[in-house]
């Protein structure tokens, strides 16, 4: 795991996911302030580990989530007998 240097952590402009739990029980925050990566953290524990995704990987992930049928077919390919 790559550690996020303090300047990058401090420079990040965090926003809460629109799919986070409204009462704060399951909140994820993202920062796309950087040109080449997206940072993700748990809003309940902002000082703990941050996940860092290359921008292209993040776009592929969020695109797959927006099209669950495509994600399902990639994860569980259909066999000839289906």
N, C-alpha and C. Protein backbone atom coordinates (compact mmCIF):
# COMPACT_ATOMS: atom_id res chain seq x y z
N UNK A 1 0.85 -1.18 0.00
CA UNK A 1 0.00 0.00 0.00
C UNK A 1 0.89 1.23 0.00
N UNK A 2 0.54 2.18 -0.80
CA UNK A 2 1.29 3.43 -0.86
C UNK A 2 0.75 4.40 0.17
N UNK A 3 1.64 4.98 0.93
CA UNK A 3 1.22 5.98 1.90
C UNK A 3 1.06 7.33 1.21
N UNK A 4 0.02 8.04 1.59
CA UNK A 4 -0.21 9.36 1.01
C UNK A 4 0.61 10.37 1.80
N UNK A 5 1.50 11.10 1.14
CA UNK A 5 2.28 12.09 1.87
C UNK A 5 1.37 13.17 2.44
N UNK A 6 1.72 13.70 3.61
CA UNK A 6 0.87 14.73 4.24
C UNK A 6 0.50 15.89 3.33
N UNK A 7 1.42 16.43 2.50
CA UNK A 7 0.98 17.53 1.62
C UNK A 7 -0.15 17.13 0.68
N UNK A 8 -0.10 15.92 0.12
CA UNK A 8 -1.17 15.48 -0.77
C UNK A 8 -2.47 15.30 -0.01
N UNK A 9 -2.38 14.74 1.20
CA UNK A 9 -3.57 14.53 2.02
C UNK A 9 -4.20 15.89 2.36
N UNK A 10 -3.37 16.87 2.70
CA UNK A 10 -3.87 18.19 3.07
C UNK A 10 -4.39 18.97 1.86
N UNK A 11 -3.82 18.73 0.68
CA UNK A 11 -4.23 19.46 -0.52
C UNK A 11 -5.52 18.92 -1.11
N UNK A 12 -5.90 17.73 -0.70
CA UNK A 12 -7.10 17.11 -1.26
C UNK A 12 -8.35 17.87 -0.84
N UNK A 13 -9.25 18.08 -1.78
CA UNK A 13 -10.56 18.68 -1.50
C UNK A 13 -11.55 17.52 -1.46
N UNK A 14 -12.00 17.16 -0.28
CA UNK A 14 -12.83 15.97 -0.10
C UNK A 14 -14.31 16.28 -0.30
N UNK A 15 -15.02 15.33 -0.92
CA UNK A 15 -16.47 15.43 -1.05
C UNK A 15 -17.07 14.08 -0.72
N UNK A 16 -18.21 14.10 -0.08
CA UNK A 16 -18.86 12.87 0.35
C UNK A 16 -19.59 12.24 -0.83
N UNK A 17 -19.54 10.93 -0.90
CA UNK A 17 -20.24 10.20 -1.96
C UNK A 17 -21.74 10.44 -1.86
N UNK A 18 -22.37 10.55 -3.00
CA UNK A 18 -23.83 10.73 -3.02
C UNK A 18 -24.54 9.45 -2.59
N UNK A 19 -23.82 8.35 -2.51
CA UNK A 19 -24.40 7.07 -2.09
C UNK A 19 -24.08 6.73 -0.64
N UNK A 20 -23.51 7.69 0.10
CA UNK A 20 -23.20 7.44 1.50
C UNK A 20 -24.47 7.40 2.33
N UNK A 21 -24.39 6.71 3.43
CA UNK A 21 -25.51 6.61 4.38
C UNK A 21 -25.83 8.01 4.92
N UNK A 22 -27.08 8.45 4.85
CA UNK A 22 -27.43 9.81 5.28
C UNK A 22 -27.19 10.07 6.77
N UNK A 23 -27.14 9.04 7.59
CA UNK A 23 -26.91 9.26 9.03
C UNK A 23 -25.44 9.14 9.39
N UNK A 24 -24.59 8.93 8.42
CA UNK A 24 -23.15 8.92 8.66
C UNK A 24 -22.56 7.58 9.04
N UNK A 25 -23.32 6.52 8.94
CA UNK A 25 -22.81 5.21 9.35
C UNK A 25 -21.86 4.60 8.31
N UNK A 26 -22.04 4.90 7.05
CA UNK A 26 -21.20 4.34 6.00
C UNK A 26 -20.86 5.44 5.00
N UNK A 27 -19.88 6.23 5.32
CA UNK A 27 -19.56 7.38 4.48
C UNK A 27 -18.20 7.23 3.83
N UNK A 28 -18.18 7.48 2.54
CA UNK A 28 -16.95 7.46 1.77
C UNK A 28 -16.77 8.85 1.18
N UNK A 29 -15.54 9.34 1.24
CA UNK A 29 -15.23 10.63 0.64
C UNK A 29 -14.20 10.42 -0.46
N UNK A 30 -14.29 11.24 -1.48
CA UNK A 30 -13.36 11.16 -2.61
C UNK A 30 -12.76 12.52 -2.89
N UNK A 31 -11.56 12.48 -3.41
CA UNK A 31 -10.91 13.71 -3.88
C UNK A 31 -10.37 13.44 -5.27
N UNK A 32 -10.85 14.21 -6.24
CA UNK A 32 -10.35 14.09 -7.60
C UNK A 32 -9.61 15.36 -8.01
N UNK A 33 -9.00 15.98 -7.03
CA UNK A 33 -8.28 17.23 -7.26
C UNK A 33 -6.99 17.03 -8.05
N UNK A 34 -6.49 15.81 -8.06
CA UNK A 34 -5.23 15.54 -8.73
C UNK A 34 -5.48 15.05 -10.16
N UNK A 35 -4.59 15.37 -11.06
CA UNK A 35 -4.81 15.06 -12.48
C UNK A 35 -4.68 13.58 -12.80
N UNK A 36 -3.91 12.84 -12.02
CA UNK A 36 -3.60 11.46 -12.39
C UNK A 36 -4.13 10.40 -11.44
N UNK A 37 -4.85 10.80 -10.39
CA UNK A 37 -5.32 9.81 -9.42
C UNK A 37 -6.55 10.32 -8.66
N UNK A 38 -7.24 9.38 -8.04
CA UNK A 38 -8.39 9.70 -7.19
C UNK A 38 -8.09 9.11 -5.82
N UNK A 39 -8.32 9.90 -4.79
CA UNK A 39 -8.11 9.45 -3.42
C UNK A 39 -9.46 9.16 -2.78
N UNK A 40 -9.52 8.07 -2.00
CA UNK A 40 -10.75 7.66 -1.33
C UNK A 40 -10.43 7.45 0.14
N UNK A 41 -11.32 7.92 1.03
CA UNK A 41 -11.11 7.70 2.46
C UNK A 41 -12.45 7.49 3.17
N UNK A 42 -12.37 6.96 4.37
CA UNK A 42 -13.53 6.77 5.24
C UNK A 42 -13.73 8.08 6.00
N UNK A 43 -14.87 8.72 5.84
CA UNK A 43 -15.07 10.03 6.47
C UNK A 43 -15.11 9.94 8.00
N UNK A 44 -15.42 8.76 8.54
CA UNK A 44 -15.44 8.61 9.99
C UNK A 44 -14.02 8.54 10.56
N UNK A 45 -13.05 8.19 9.73
CA UNK A 45 -11.65 8.06 10.14
C UNK A 45 -10.75 8.76 9.12
N UNK A 46 -10.85 10.07 8.97
CA UNK A 46 -10.12 10.76 7.90
C UNK A 46 -8.60 10.73 8.04
N UNK A 47 -8.10 10.47 9.23
CA UNK A 47 -6.66 10.42 9.41
C UNK A 47 -6.05 9.07 9.12
N UNK A 48 -6.87 8.08 8.87
CA UNK A 48 -6.37 6.73 8.61
C UNK A 48 -6.03 6.56 7.14
N UNK A 49 -5.86 5.35 6.72
CA UNK A 49 -5.39 5.03 5.36
C UNK A 49 -6.30 5.62 4.28
N UNK A 50 -5.67 5.98 3.19
CA UNK A 50 -6.37 6.50 2.01
C UNK A 50 -6.07 5.54 0.86
N UNK A 51 -7.10 5.20 0.12
CA UNK A 51 -6.92 4.40 -1.08
C UNK A 51 -6.62 5.33 -2.24
N UNK A 52 -5.65 4.96 -3.06
CA UNK A 52 -5.27 5.78 -4.21
C UNK A 52 -5.46 4.94 -5.47
N UNK A 53 -6.27 5.45 -6.38
CA UNK A 53 -6.55 4.76 -7.64
C UNK A 53 -6.03 5.60 -8.80
N UNK A 54 -5.34 4.97 -9.76
CA UNK A 54 -5.02 5.70 -10.99
C UNK A 54 -6.33 6.16 -11.63
N UNK A 55 -6.32 7.31 -12.23
CA UNK A 55 -7.54 7.90 -12.77
C UNK A 55 -8.25 6.96 -13.75
N UNK A 56 -7.52 6.31 -14.64
CA UNK A 56 -8.15 5.40 -15.61
C UNK A 56 -8.83 4.23 -14.91
N UNK A 57 -8.21 3.71 -13.86
CA UNK A 57 -8.81 2.59 -13.12
C UNK A 57 -10.08 3.04 -12.41
N UNK A 58 -10.05 4.25 -11.85
CA UNK A 58 -11.23 4.77 -11.16
C UNK A 58 -12.39 4.94 -12.14
N UNK A 59 -12.11 5.48 -13.32
CA UNK A 59 -13.16 5.65 -14.32
C UNK A 59 -13.74 4.30 -14.75
N UNK A 60 -12.88 3.31 -14.93
CA UNK A 60 -13.37 1.98 -15.30
C UNK A 60 -14.25 1.39 -14.19
N UNK A 61 -13.84 1.57 -12.95
CA UNK A 61 -14.61 1.07 -11.80
C UNK A 61 -15.98 1.75 -11.72
N UNK A 62 -16.01 3.08 -11.78
CA UNK A 62 -17.29 3.78 -11.65
C UNK A 62 -18.20 3.54 -12.85
N UNK A 63 -17.60 3.36 -14.03
CA UNK A 63 -18.41 3.04 -15.21
C UNK A 63 -19.05 1.67 -15.05
N UNK A 64 -18.28 0.71 -14.54
CA UNK A 64 -18.82 -0.63 -14.31
C UNK A 64 -19.95 -0.60 -13.29
N UNK A 65 -19.81 0.22 -12.25
CA UNK A 65 -20.86 0.32 -11.24
C UNK A 65 -22.13 0.93 -11.80
N UNK A 66 -21.99 1.81 -12.77
CA UNK A 66 -23.17 2.45 -13.33
C UNK A 66 -23.89 1.55 -14.33
N UNK A 67 -23.24 0.46 -14.71
CA UNK A 67 -23.83 -0.52 -15.63
C UNK A 67 -23.69 -1.91 -15.03
N UNK A 68 -24.50 -2.23 -14.03
CA UNK A 68 -24.31 -3.50 -13.32
C UNK A 68 -24.39 -4.73 -14.20
N UNK A 69 -25.14 -4.68 -15.28
CA UNK A 69 -25.22 -5.85 -16.15
C UNK A 69 -23.87 -6.13 -16.81
N UNK A 70 -23.12 -5.09 -17.13
CA UNK A 70 -21.79 -5.28 -17.71
C UNK A 70 -20.82 -5.80 -16.67
N UNK A 71 -20.92 -5.29 -15.45
CA UNK A 71 -20.05 -5.76 -14.38
C UNK A 71 -20.30 -7.23 -14.11
N UNK A 72 -21.56 -7.62 -14.02
CA UNK A 72 -21.92 -9.01 -13.76
C UNK A 72 -21.35 -9.92 -14.85
N UNK A 73 -21.47 -9.52 -16.10
CA UNK A 73 -20.98 -10.35 -17.20
C UNK A 73 -19.46 -10.47 -17.20
N UNK A 74 -18.76 -9.46 -16.70
CA UNK A 74 -17.31 -9.54 -16.62
C UNK A 74 -16.86 -10.42 -15.46
N UNK A 75 -17.55 -10.30 -14.34
CA UNK A 75 -17.17 -11.06 -13.16
C UNK A 75 -17.62 -12.50 -13.28
N UNK A 76 -18.81 -12.71 -13.80
CA UNK A 76 -19.38 -14.04 -13.96
C UNK A 76 -19.71 -14.29 -15.44
N UNK A 77 -18.67 -14.59 -16.24
CA UNK A 77 -18.94 -14.80 -17.68
C UNK A 77 -19.95 -15.93 -17.90
N UNK A 78 -20.79 -15.71 -18.86
CA UNK A 78 -21.82 -16.71 -19.18
C UNK A 78 -21.16 -17.85 -19.97
N UNK A 79 -21.50 -19.05 -19.57
CA UNK A 79 -20.98 -20.23 -20.28
C UNK A 79 -21.88 -20.57 -21.46
N UNK A 80 -21.44 -21.48 -22.27
CA UNK A 80 -22.24 -21.89 -23.43
C UNK A 80 -23.53 -22.57 -23.03
N UNK A 81 -23.58 -23.17 -21.81
CA UNK A 81 -24.76 -23.88 -21.39
C UNK A 81 -25.82 -23.01 -20.76
N UNK A 82 -25.59 -21.69 -20.64
CA UNK A 82 -26.58 -20.80 -20.00
C UNK A 82 -27.65 -20.36 -20.95
